[in-house]
Amino acid sequence: MKDEKGLYYFPFPANKRVRMYVRQGQDDIDFRLWNQDDPQLWETHGWVPHGAVVQAQGIYKGGPFDPKKAYDLNLAKALLAEEEKILRTQP
């Protein structure tokens, strides 16, 4: 999906109030979390490269926020590829 902030998916499908935005960064795919119930989150947490996400996954010890589920590299790649395909076909 796409809105004024960019491409996104729902990292927790049952909660449509949280979105994970994705973009192609300089060297990696970047992620940025948005939460309708926490507007400051967008401002205080910038774009996170996938490499940093992988490092965070290594220290994850359990809890309500599982980075392996929230930061879905395959889904991000699919969204970016679909967007690129759409842009290539536009006049």
PDB file of N, CA and C in Angstrom:
ATOM      1  N   MET A   1       0.831  -1.163   0.000  1.00  0.00           N
ATOM      2  CA  MET A   1       0.000   0.000   0.000  1.00  0.00           C
ATOM      3  C   MET A   1       0.886   1.240   0.000  1.00  0.00           C
ATOM      4  N   LYS A   2       0.272   2.344  -0.309  1.00  0.00           N
ATOM      5  CA  LYS A   2       1.025   3.579  -0.414  1.00  0.00           C
ATOM      6  C   LYS A   2       0.163   4.753   0.020  1.00  0.00           C
ATOM      7  N   ASP A   3       0.780   5.692   0.726  1.00  0.00           N
ATOM      8  CA  ASP A   3       0.117   6.941   1.077  1.00  0.00           C
ATOM      9  C   ASP A   3       1.131   8.069   0.948  1.00  0.00           C
ATOM     10  N   GLU A   4       0.824   9.225   1.530  1.00  0.00           N
ATOM     11  CA  GLU A   4       1.707  10.383   1.383  1.00  0.00           C
ATOM     12  C   GLU A   4       3.085  10.180   2.022  1.00  0.00           C
ATOM     13  N   LYS A   5       3.204   9.259   2.971  1.00  0.00           N
ATOM     14  CA  LYS A   5       4.499   8.977   3.599  1.00  0.00           C
ATOM     15  C   LYS A   5       5.328   7.974   2.791  1.00  0.00           C
ATOM     16  N   GLY A   6       4.671   7.177   1.961  1.00  0.00           N
ATOM     17  CA  GLY A   6       5.378   6.207   1.144  1.00  0.00           C
ATOM     18  C   GLY A   6       4.713   4.837   1.145  1.00  0.00           C
ATOM     19  N   LEU A   7       5.535   3.832   0.807  1.00  0.00           N
ATOM     20  CA  LEU A   7       5.065   2.440   0.760  1.00  0.00           C
ATOM     21  C   LEU A   7       5.032   1.863   2.165  1.00  0.00           C
ATOM     22  N   TYR A   8       3.998   1.076   2.450  1.00  0.00           N
ATOM     23  CA  TYR A   8       3.912   0.486   3.784  1.00  0.00           C
ATOM     24  C   TYR A   8       3.169  -0.841   3.754  1.00  0.00           C
ATOM     25  N   TYR A   9       3.346  -1.565   4.846  1.00  0.00           N
ATOM     26  CA  TYR A   9       2.572  -2.773   5.106  1.00  0.00           C
ATOM     27  C   TYR A   9       2.184  -2.760   6.579  1.00  0.00           C
ATOM     28  N   PHE A  10       1.290  -3.648   6.949  1.00  0.00           N
ATOM     29  CA  PHE A  10       0.862  -3.760   8.342  1.00  0.00           C
ATOM     30  C   PHE A  10       1.692  -4.852   9.015  1.00  0.00           C
ATOM     31  N   PRO A  11       2.613  -4.477   9.909  1.00  0.00           N
ATOM     32  CA  PRO A  11       3.464  -5.483  10.540  1.00  0.00           C
ATOM     33  C   PRO A  11       2.694  -6.404  11.491  1.00  0.00           C
ATOM     34  N   PHE A  12       1.584  -5.915  11.980  1.00  0.00           N
ATOM     35  CA  PHE A  12       0.703  -6.696  12.850  1.00  0.00           C
ATOM     36  C   PHE A  12      -0.675  -6.645  12.202  1.00  0.00           C
ATOM     37  N   PRO A  13      -0.981  -7.585  11.310  1.00  0.00           N
ATOM     38  CA  PRO A  13      -2.183  -7.493  10.474  1.00  0.00           C
ATOM     39  C   PRO A  13      -3.490  -7.221  11.225  1.00  0.00           C
ATOM     40  N   ALA A  14      -3.587  -7.631  12.451  1.00  0.00           N
ATOM     41  CA  ALA A  14      -4.813  -7.394  13.216  1.00  0.00           C
ATOM     42  C   ALA A  14      -4.913  -5.946  13.699  1.00  0.00           C
ATOM     43  N   ASN A  15      -3.799  -5.214  13.645  1.00  0.00           N
ATOM     44  CA  ASN A  15      -3.774  -3.835  14.131  1.00  0.00           C
ATOM     45  C   ASN A  15      -3.469  -2.889  12.966  1.00  0.00           C
ATOM     46  N   LYS A  16      -4.486  -2.329  12.387  1.00  0.00           N
ATOM     47  CA  LYS A  16      -4.325  -1.430  11.239  1.00  0.00           C
ATOM     48  C   LYS A  16      -3.870  -0.032  11.657  1.00  0.00           C
ATOM     49  N   ARG A  17      -3.674   0.189  12.950  1.00  0.00           N
ATOM     50  CA  ARG A  17      -3.229   1.482  13.444  1.00  0.00           C
ATOM     51  C   ARG A  17      -1.698   1.601  13.450  1.00  0.00           C
ATOM     52  N   VAL A  18      -1.027   0.514  13.090  1.00  0.00           N
ATOM     53  CA  VAL A  18       0.437   0.503  13.033  1.00  0.00           C
ATOM     54  C   VAL A  18       0.853   0.130  11.621  1.00  0.00           C
ATOM     55  N   ARG A  19       1.772   0.915  11.067  1.00  0.00           N
ATOM     56  CA  ARG A  19       2.272   0.664   9.714  1.00  0.00           C
ATOM     57  C   ARG A  19       3.792   0.629   9.726  1.00  0.00           C
ATOM     58  N   MET A  20       4.336  -0.182   8.835  1.00  0.00           N
ATOM     59  CA  MET A  20       5.778  -0.218   8.630  1.00  0.00           C
ATOM     60  C   MET A  20       6.043   0.312   7.227  1.00  0.00           C
ATOM     61  N   TYR A  21       6.723   1.441   7.162  1.00  0.00           N
ATOM     62  CA  TYR A  21       7.078   2.033   5.883  1.00  0.00           C
ATOM     63  C   TYR A  21       8.416   1.484   5.422  1.00  0.00           C
ATOM     64  N   VAL A  22       8.575   1.387   4.107  1.00  0.00           N
ATOM     65  CA  VAL A  22       9.816   0.865   3.536  1.00  0.00           C
ATOM     66  C   VAL A  22      10.266   1.767   2.393  1.00  0.00           C
ATOM     67  N   ARG A  23      11.580   1.809   2.211  1.00  0.00           N
ATOM     68  CA  ARG A  23      12.151   2.530   1.076  1.00  0.00           C
ATOM     69  C   ARG A  23      13.487   1.892   0.740  1.00  0.00           C
ATOM     70  N   GLN A  24      13.918   2.128  -0.483  1.00  0.00           N
ATOM     71  CA  GLN A  24      15.244   1.675  -0.872  1.00  0.00           C
ATOM     72  C   GLN A  24      16.230   2.729  -0.404  1.00  0.00           C
ATOM     73  N   GLY A  25      17.068   2.364   0.558  1.00  0.00           N
ATOM     74  CA  GLY A  25      18.082   3.279   1.048  1.00  0.00           C
ATOM     75  C   GLY A  25      19.303   3.257   0.146  1.00  0.00           C
ATOM     76  N   GLN A  26      20.330   3.939   0.562  1.00  0.00           N
ATOM     77  CA  GLN A  26      21.547   4.020  -0.237  1.00  0.00           C
ATOM     78  C   GLN A  26      22.189   2.650  -0.433  1.00  0.00           C
ATOM     79  N   ASP A  27      22.280   1.872   0.642  1.00  0.00           N
ATOM     80  CA  ASP A  27      22.932   0.562   0.573  1.00  0.00           C
ATOM     81  C   ASP A  27      22.025  -0.591   0.961  1.00  0.00           C
ATOM     82  N   ASP A  28      20.847  -0.309   1.453  1.00  0.00           N
ATOM     83  CA  ASP A  28      20.014  -1.337   2.054  1.00  0.00           C
ATOM     84  C   ASP A  28      18.558  -0.886   1.992  1.00  0.00           C
ATOM     85  N   ILE A  29      17.660  -1.780   2.325  1.00  0.00           N
ATOM     86  CA  ILE A  29      16.255  -1.404   2.475  1.00  0.00           C
ATOM     87  C   ILE A  29      16.091  -0.815   3.870  1.00  0.00           C
ATOM     88  N   ASP A  30      15.399   0.322   3.932  1.00  0.00           N
ATOM     89  CA  ASP A  30      15.169   1.014   5.198  1.00  0.00           C
ATOM     90  C   ASP A  30      13.724   0.817   5.640  1.00  0.00           C
ATOM     91  N   PHE A  31      13.537   0.801   6.956  1.00  0.00           N
ATOM     92  CA  PHE A  31      12.218   0.642   7.567  1.00  0.00           C
ATOM     93  C   PHE A  31      11.955   1.817   8.503  1.00  0.00           C
ATOM     94  N   ARG A  32      10.676   2.163   8.645  1.00  0.00           N
ATOM     95  CA  ARG A  32      10.285   3.209   9.596  1.00  0.00           C
ATOM     96  C   ARG A  32       8.884   2.907  10.104  1.00  0.00           C
ATOM     97  N   LEU A  33       8.759   2.856  11.400  1.00  0.00           N
ATOM     98  CA  LEU A  33       7.499   2.498  12.041  1.00  0.00           C
ATOM     99  C   LEU A  33       6.634   3.737  12.277  1.00  0.00           C
ATOM    100  N   TRP A  34       5.335   3.599  12.041  1.00  0.00           N
ATOM    101  CA  TRP A  34       4.348   4.640  12.322  1.00  0.00           C
ATOM    102  C   TRP A  34       3.231   4.022  13.127  1.00  0.00           C
ATOM    103  N   ASN A  35       2.787   4.732  14.151  1.00  0.00           N
ATOM    104  CA  ASN A  35       1.722   4.242  15.014  1.00  0.00           C
ATOM    105  C   ASN A  35       0.715   5.367  15.209  1.00  0.00           C
ATOM    106  N   GLN A  36      -0.507   5.128  14.805  1.00  0.00           N
ATOM    107  CA  GLN A  36      -1.552   6.149  14.918  1.00  0.00           C
ATOM    108  C   GLN A  36      -1.762   6.583  16.368  1.00  0.00           C
ATOM    109  N   ASP A  37      -1.509   5.702  17.315  1.00  0.00           N
ATOM    110  CA  ASP A  37      -1.703   6.019  18.723  1.00  0.00           C
ATOM    111  C   ASP A  37      -0.487   6.690  19.351  1.00  0.00           C
ATOM    112  N   ASP A  38       0.600   6.813  18.595  1.00  0.00           N
ATOM    113  CA  ASP A  38       1.829   7.434  19.092  1.00  0.00           C
ATOM    114  C   ASP A  38       2.437   8.302  17.985  1.00  0.00           C
ATOM    115  N   PRO A  39       1.854   9.480  17.725  1.00  0.00           N
ATOM    116  CA  PRO A  39       2.314  10.323  16.628  1.00  0.00           C
ATOM    117  C   PRO A  39       3.786  10.734  16.740  1.00  0.00           C
ATOM    118  N   GLN A  40       4.313  10.808  17.954  1.00  0.00           N
ATOM    119  CA  GLN A  40       5.708  11.194  18.156  1.00  0.00           C
ATOM    120  C   GLN A  40       6.679  10.150  17.622  1.00  0.00           C
ATOM    121  N   LEU A  41       6.229   8.910  17.520  1.00  0.00           N
ATOM    122  CA  LEU A  41       7.100   7.829  17.068  1.00  0.00           C
ATOM    123  C   LEU A  41       7.718   8.148  15.709  1.00  0.00           C
ATOM    124  N   TRP A  42       6.919   8.670  14.794  1.00  0.00           N
ATOM    125  CA  TRP A  42       7.416   8.992  13.448  1.00  0.00           C
ATOM    126  C   TRP A  42       8.518  10.050  13.518  1.00  0.00           C
ATOM    127  N   GLU A  43       8.333  11.025  14.386  1.00  0.00           N
ATOM    128  CA  GLU A  43       9.295  12.122  14.493  1.00  0.00           C
ATOM    129  C   GLU A  43      10.567  11.721  15.239  1.00  0.00           C
ATOM    130  N   THR A  44      10.424  10.876  16.242  1.00  0.00           N
ATOM    131  CA  THR A  44      11.586  10.558  17.084  1.00  0.00           C
ATOM    132  C   THR A  44      12.408   9.389  16.576  1.00  0.00           C
ATOM    133  N   HIS A  45      11.836   8.548  15.743  1.00  0.00           N
ATOM    134  CA  HIS A  45      12.561   7.396  15.212  1.00  0.00           C
ATOM    135  C   HIS A  45      12.623   7.504  13.691  1.00  0.00           C
ATOM    136  N   GLY A  46      13.801   7.660  13.169  1.00  0.00           N
ATOM    137  CA  GLY A  46      13.977   7.808  11.732  1.00  0.00           C
ATOM    138  C   GLY A  46      14.007   6.470  11.016  1.00  0.00           C
ATOM    139  N   TRP A  47      14.519   6.511   9.799  1.00  0.00           N
ATOM    140  CA  TRP A  47      14.628   5.315   8.973  1.00  0.00           C
ATOM    141  C   TRP A  47      15.725   4.412   9.518  1.00  0.00           C
ATOM    142  N   VAL A  48      15.443   3.111   9.549  1.00  0.00           N
ATOM    143  CA  VAL A  48      16.382   2.120  10.077  1.00  0.00           C
ATOM    144  C   VAL A  48      16.773   1.172   8.950  1.00  0.00           C
ATOM    145  N   PRO A  49      18.082   1.076   8.642  1.00  0.00           N
ATOM    146  CA  PRO A  49      18.497   0.137   7.597  1.00  0.00           C
ATOM    147  C   PRO A  49      18.324  -1.312   8.047  1.00  0.00           C
ATOM    148  N   HIS A  50      18.073  -2.188   7.094  1.00  0.00           N
ATOM    149  CA  HIS A  50      17.840  -3.595   7.425  1.00  0.00           C
ATOM    150  C   HIS A  50      19.003  -4.199   8.219  1.00  0.00           C
ATOM    151  N   GLY A  51      20.225  -3.797   7.948  1.00  0.00           N
ATOM    152  CA  GLY A  51      21.373  -4.305   8.691  1.00  0.00           C
ATOM    153  C   GLY A  51      21.256  -4.054  10.186  1.00  0.00           C
ATOM    154  N   ALA A  52      20.750  -2.896  10.554  1.00  0.00           N
ATOM    155  CA  ALA A  52      20.548  -2.582  11.978  1.00  0.00           C
ATOM    156  C   ALA A  52      19.435  -3.440  12.564  1.00  0.00           C
ATOM    157  N   VAL A  53      18.434  -3.736  11.747  1.00  0.00           N
ATOM    158  CA  VAL A  53      17.336  -4.600  12.192  1.00  0.00           C
ATOM    159  C   VAL A  53      17.874  -6.001  12.497  1.00  0.00           C
ATOM    160  N   VAL A  54      18.738  -6.497  11.632  1.00  0.00           N
ATOM    161  CA  VAL A  54      19.331  -7.825  11.842  1.00  0.00           C
ATOM    162  C   VAL A  54      20.116  -7.853  13.150  1.00  0.00           C
ATOM    163  N   GLN A  55      20.863  -6.793  13.435  1.00  0.00           N
ATOM    164  CA  GLN A  55      21.607  -6.728  14.693  1.00  0.00           C
ATOM    165  C   GLN A  55      20.659  -6.742  15.885  1.00  0.00           C
ATOM    166  N   ALA A  56      19.562  -6.006  15.784  1.00  0.00           N
ATOM    167  CA  ALA A  56      18.585  -5.968  16.881  1.00  0.00           C
ATOM    168  C   ALA A  56      17.941  -7.331  17.092  1.00  0.00           C
ATOM    169  N   GLN A  57      17.722  -8.053  15.998  1.00  0.00           N
ATOM    170  CA  GLN A  57      17.130  -9.382  16.125  1.00  0.00           C
ATOM    171  C   GLN A  57      18.035 -10.305  16.924  1.00  0.00           C
ATOM    172  N   GLY A  58      19.332 -10.091  16.818  1.00  0.00           N
ATOM    173  CA  GLY A  58      20.289 -10.925  17.538  1.00  0.00           C
ATOM    174  C   GLY A  58      20.222 -10.764  19.046  1.00  0.00           C
ATOM    175  N   ILE A  59      19.745  -9.613  19.509  1.00  0.00           N
ATOM    176  CA  ILE A  59      19.679  -9.386  20.956  1.00  0.00           C
ATOM    177  C   ILE A  59      18.250  -9.477  21.500  1.00  0.00           C
ATOM    178  N   TYR A  60      17.296  -9.761  20.623  1.00  0.00           N
ATOM    179  CA  TYR A  60      15.894  -9.868  21.031  1.00  0.00           C
ATOM    180  C   TYR A  60      15.711 -11.035  21.993  1.00  0.00           C
ATOM    181  N   LYS A  61      15.115 -10.762  23.135  1.00  0.00           N
ATOM    182  CA  LYS A  61      14.943 -11.785  24.173  1.00  0.00           C
ATOM    183  C   LYS A  61      13.476 -12.109  24.438  1.00  0.00           C
ATOM    184  N   GLY A  62      12.621 -11.754  23.547  1.00  0.00           N
ATOM    185  CA  GLY A  62      11.190 -12.007  23.741  1.00  0.00           C
ATOM    186  C   GLY A  62      10.484 -10.749  24.181  1.00  0.00           C
ATOM    187  N   GLY A  63       9.197 -10.758  24.075  1.00  0.00           N
ATOM    188  CA  GLY A  63       8.400  -9.600  24.443  1.00  0.00           C
ATOM    189  C   GLY A  63       7.333  -9.344  23.396  1.00  0.00           C
ATOM    190  N   PRO A  64       6.572  -8.284  23.570  1.00  0.00           N
ATOM    191  CA  PRO A  64       5.450  -8.033  22.672  1.00  0.00           C
ATOM    192  C   PRO A  64       5.856  -7.581  21.270  1.00  0.00           C
ATOM    193  N   PHE A  65       7.046  -7.017  21.116  1.00  0.00           N
ATOM    194  CA  PHE A  65       7.475  -6.519  19.806  1.00  0.00           C
ATOM    195  C   PHE A  65       8.588  -7.412  19.276  1.00  0.00           C
ATOM    196  N   ASP A  66       8.225  -8.291  18.345  1.00  0.00           N
ATOM    197  CA  ASP A  66       9.197  -9.213  17.752  1.00  0.00           C
ATOM    198  C   ASP A  66       9.724  -8.598  16.459  1.00  0.00           C
ATOM    199  N   PRO A  67      10.996  -8.186  16.428  1.00  0.00           N
ATOM    200  CA  PRO A  67      11.518  -7.543  15.207  1.00  0.00           C
ATOM    201  C   PRO A  67      11.516  -8.461  13.985  1.00  0.00           C
ATOM    202  N   LYS A  68      11.584  -9.772  14.190  1.00  0.00           N
ATOM    203  CA  LYS A  68      11.558 -10.686  13.045  1.00  0.00           C
ATOM    204  C   LYS A  68      10.209 -10.656  12.339  1.00  0.00           C
ATOM    205  N   LYS A  69       9.160 -10.392  13.086  1.00  0.00           N
ATOM    206  CA  LYS A  69       7.824 -10.313  12.497  1.00  0.00           C
ATOM    207  C   LYS A  69       7.536  -8.912  11.965  1.00  0.00           C
ATOM    208  N   ALA A  70       7.953  -7.898  12.691  1.00  0.00           N
ATOM    209  CA  ALA A  70       7.631  -6.522  12.304  1.00  0.00           C
ATOM    210  C   ALA A  70       8.416  -6.060  11.080  1.00  0.00           C
ATOM    211  N   TYR A  71       9.697  -6.411  11.017  1.00  0.00           N
ATOM    212  CA  TYR A  71      10.565  -5.974   9.918  1.00  0.00           C
ATOM    213  C   TYR A  71      10.705  -7.131   8.933  1.00  0.00           C
ATOM    214  N   ASP A  72       9.799  -7.194   7.980  1.00  0.00           N
ATOM    215  CA  ASP A  72       9.726  -8.307   7.034  1.00  0.00           C
ATOM    216  C   ASP A  72      10.455  -7.937   5.740  1.00  0.00           C
ATOM    217  N   LEU A  73      11.687  -8.419   5.606  1.00  0.00           N
ATOM    218  CA  LEU A  73      12.503  -8.080   4.448  1.00  0.00           C
ATOM    219  C   LEU A  73      11.875  -8.563   3.141  1.00  0.00           C
ATOM    220  N   ASN A  74      11.338  -9.758   3.132  1.00  0.00           N
ATOM    221  CA  ASN A  74      10.735 -10.282   1.906  1.00  0.00           C
ATOM    222  C   ASN A  74       9.533  -9.448   1.468  1.00  0.00           C
ATOM    223  N   LEU A  75       8.719  -9.066   2.400  1.00  0.00           N
ATOM    224  CA  LEU A  75       7.562  -8.232   2.087  1.00  0.00           C
ATOM    225  C   LEU A  75       8.015  -6.855   1.604  1.00  0.00           C
ATOM    226  N   ALA A  76       9.020  -6.300   2.246  1.00  0.00           N
ATOM    227  CA  ALA A  76       9.554  -5.005   1.826  1.00  0.00           C
ATOM    228  C   ALA A  76      10.088  -5.074   0.395  1.00  0.00           C
ATOM    229  N   LYS A  77      10.828  -6.127   0.081  1.00  0.00           N
ATOM    230  CA  LYS A  77      11.362  -6.292  -1.277  1.00  0.00           C
ATOM    231  C   LYS A  77      10.230  -6.403  -2.293  1.00  0.00           C
ATOM    232  N   ALA A  78       9.188  -7.132  -1.942  1.00  0.00           N
ATOM    233  CA  ALA A  78       8.050  -7.297  -2.849  1.00  0.00           C
ATOM    234  C   ALA A  78       7.345  -5.964  -3.091  1.00  0.00           C
ATOM    235  N   LEU A  79       7.151  -5.178  -2.041  1.00  0.00           N
ATOM    236  CA  LEU A  79       6.519  -3.865  -2.201  1.00  0.00           C
ATOM    237  C   LEU A  79       7.350  -2.957  -3.097  1.00  0.00           C
ATOM    238  N   LEU A  80       8.651  -2.931  -2.870  1.00  0.00           N
ATOM    239  CA  LEU A  80       9.533  -2.078  -3.666  1.00  0.00           C
ATOM    240  C   LEU A  80       9.576  -2.530  -5.126  1.00  0.00           C
ATOM    241  N   ALA A  81       9.588  -3.830  -5.349  1.00  0.00           N
ATOM    242  CA  ALA A  81       9.607  -4.357  -6.719  1.00  0.00           C
ATOM    243  C   ALA A  81       8.307  -4.014  -7.440  1.00  0.00           C
ATOM    244  N   GLU A  82       7.192  -4.138  -6.752  1.00  0.00           N
ATOM    245  CA  GLU A  82       5.897  -3.814  -7.360  1.00  0.00           C
ATOM    246  C   GLU A  82       5.818  -2.323  -7.687  1.00  0.00           C
ATOM    247  N   GLU A  83       6.313  -1.490  -6.796  1.00  0.00           N
ATOM    248  CA  GLU A  83       6.312  -0.049  -7.047  1.00  0.00           C
ATOM    249  C   GLU A  83       7.200   0.292  -8.250  1.00  0.00           C
ATOM    250  N   GLU A  84       8.336  -0.346  -8.346  1.00  0.00           N
ATOM    251  CA  GLU A  84       9.232  -0.118  -9.479  1.00  0.00           C
ATOM    252  C   GLU A  84       8.563  -0.545 -10.791  1.00  0.00           C
ATOM    253  N   LYS A  85       7.884  -1.668 -10.750  1.00  0.00           N
ATOM    254  CA  LYS A  85       7.172  -2.164 -11.938  1.00  0.00           C
ATOM    255  C   LYS A  85       6.097  -1.169 -12.374  1.00  0.00           C
ATOM    256  N   ILE A  86       5.352  -0.641 -11.438  1.00  0.00           N
ATOM    257  CA  ILE A  86       4.304   0.347 -11.733  1.00  0.00           C
ATOM    258  C   ILE A  86       4.919   1.605 -12.334  1.00  0.00           C
ATOM    259  N   LEU A  87       6.003   2.072 -11.747  1.00  0.00           N
ATOM    260  CA  LEU A  87       6.644   3.291 -12.247  1.00  0.00           C
ATOM    261  C   LEU A  87       7.205   3.113 -13.652  1.00  0.00           C
ATOM    262  N   ARG A  88       7.703   1.911 -13.959  1.00  0.00           N
ATOM    263  CA  ARG A  88       8.249   1.653 -15.299  1.00  0.00           C
ATOM    264  C   ARG A  88       7.170   1.632 -16.372  1.00  0.00           C
ATOM    265  N   THR A  89       5.956   1.269 -16.007  1.00  0.00           N
ATOM    266  CA  THR A  89       4.881   1.160 -17.001  1.00  0.00           C
ATOM    267  C   THR A  89       4.114   2.458 -17.193  1.00  0.00           C
ATOM    268  N   GLN A  90       4.358   3.440 -16.345  1.00  0.00           N
ATOM    269  CA  GLN A  90       3.669   4.720 -16.493  1.00  0.00           C
ATOM    270  C   GLN A  90       4.337   5.543 -17.588  1.00  0.00           C
ATOM    271  N   PRO A  91       3.523   6.274 -18.356  1.00  0.00           N
ATOM    272  CA  PRO A  91       4.090   7.108 -19.432  1.00  0.00           C
ATOM    273  C   PRO A  91       4.884   8.281 -18.897  1.00  0.00           C
TER     274      PRO A  91
END
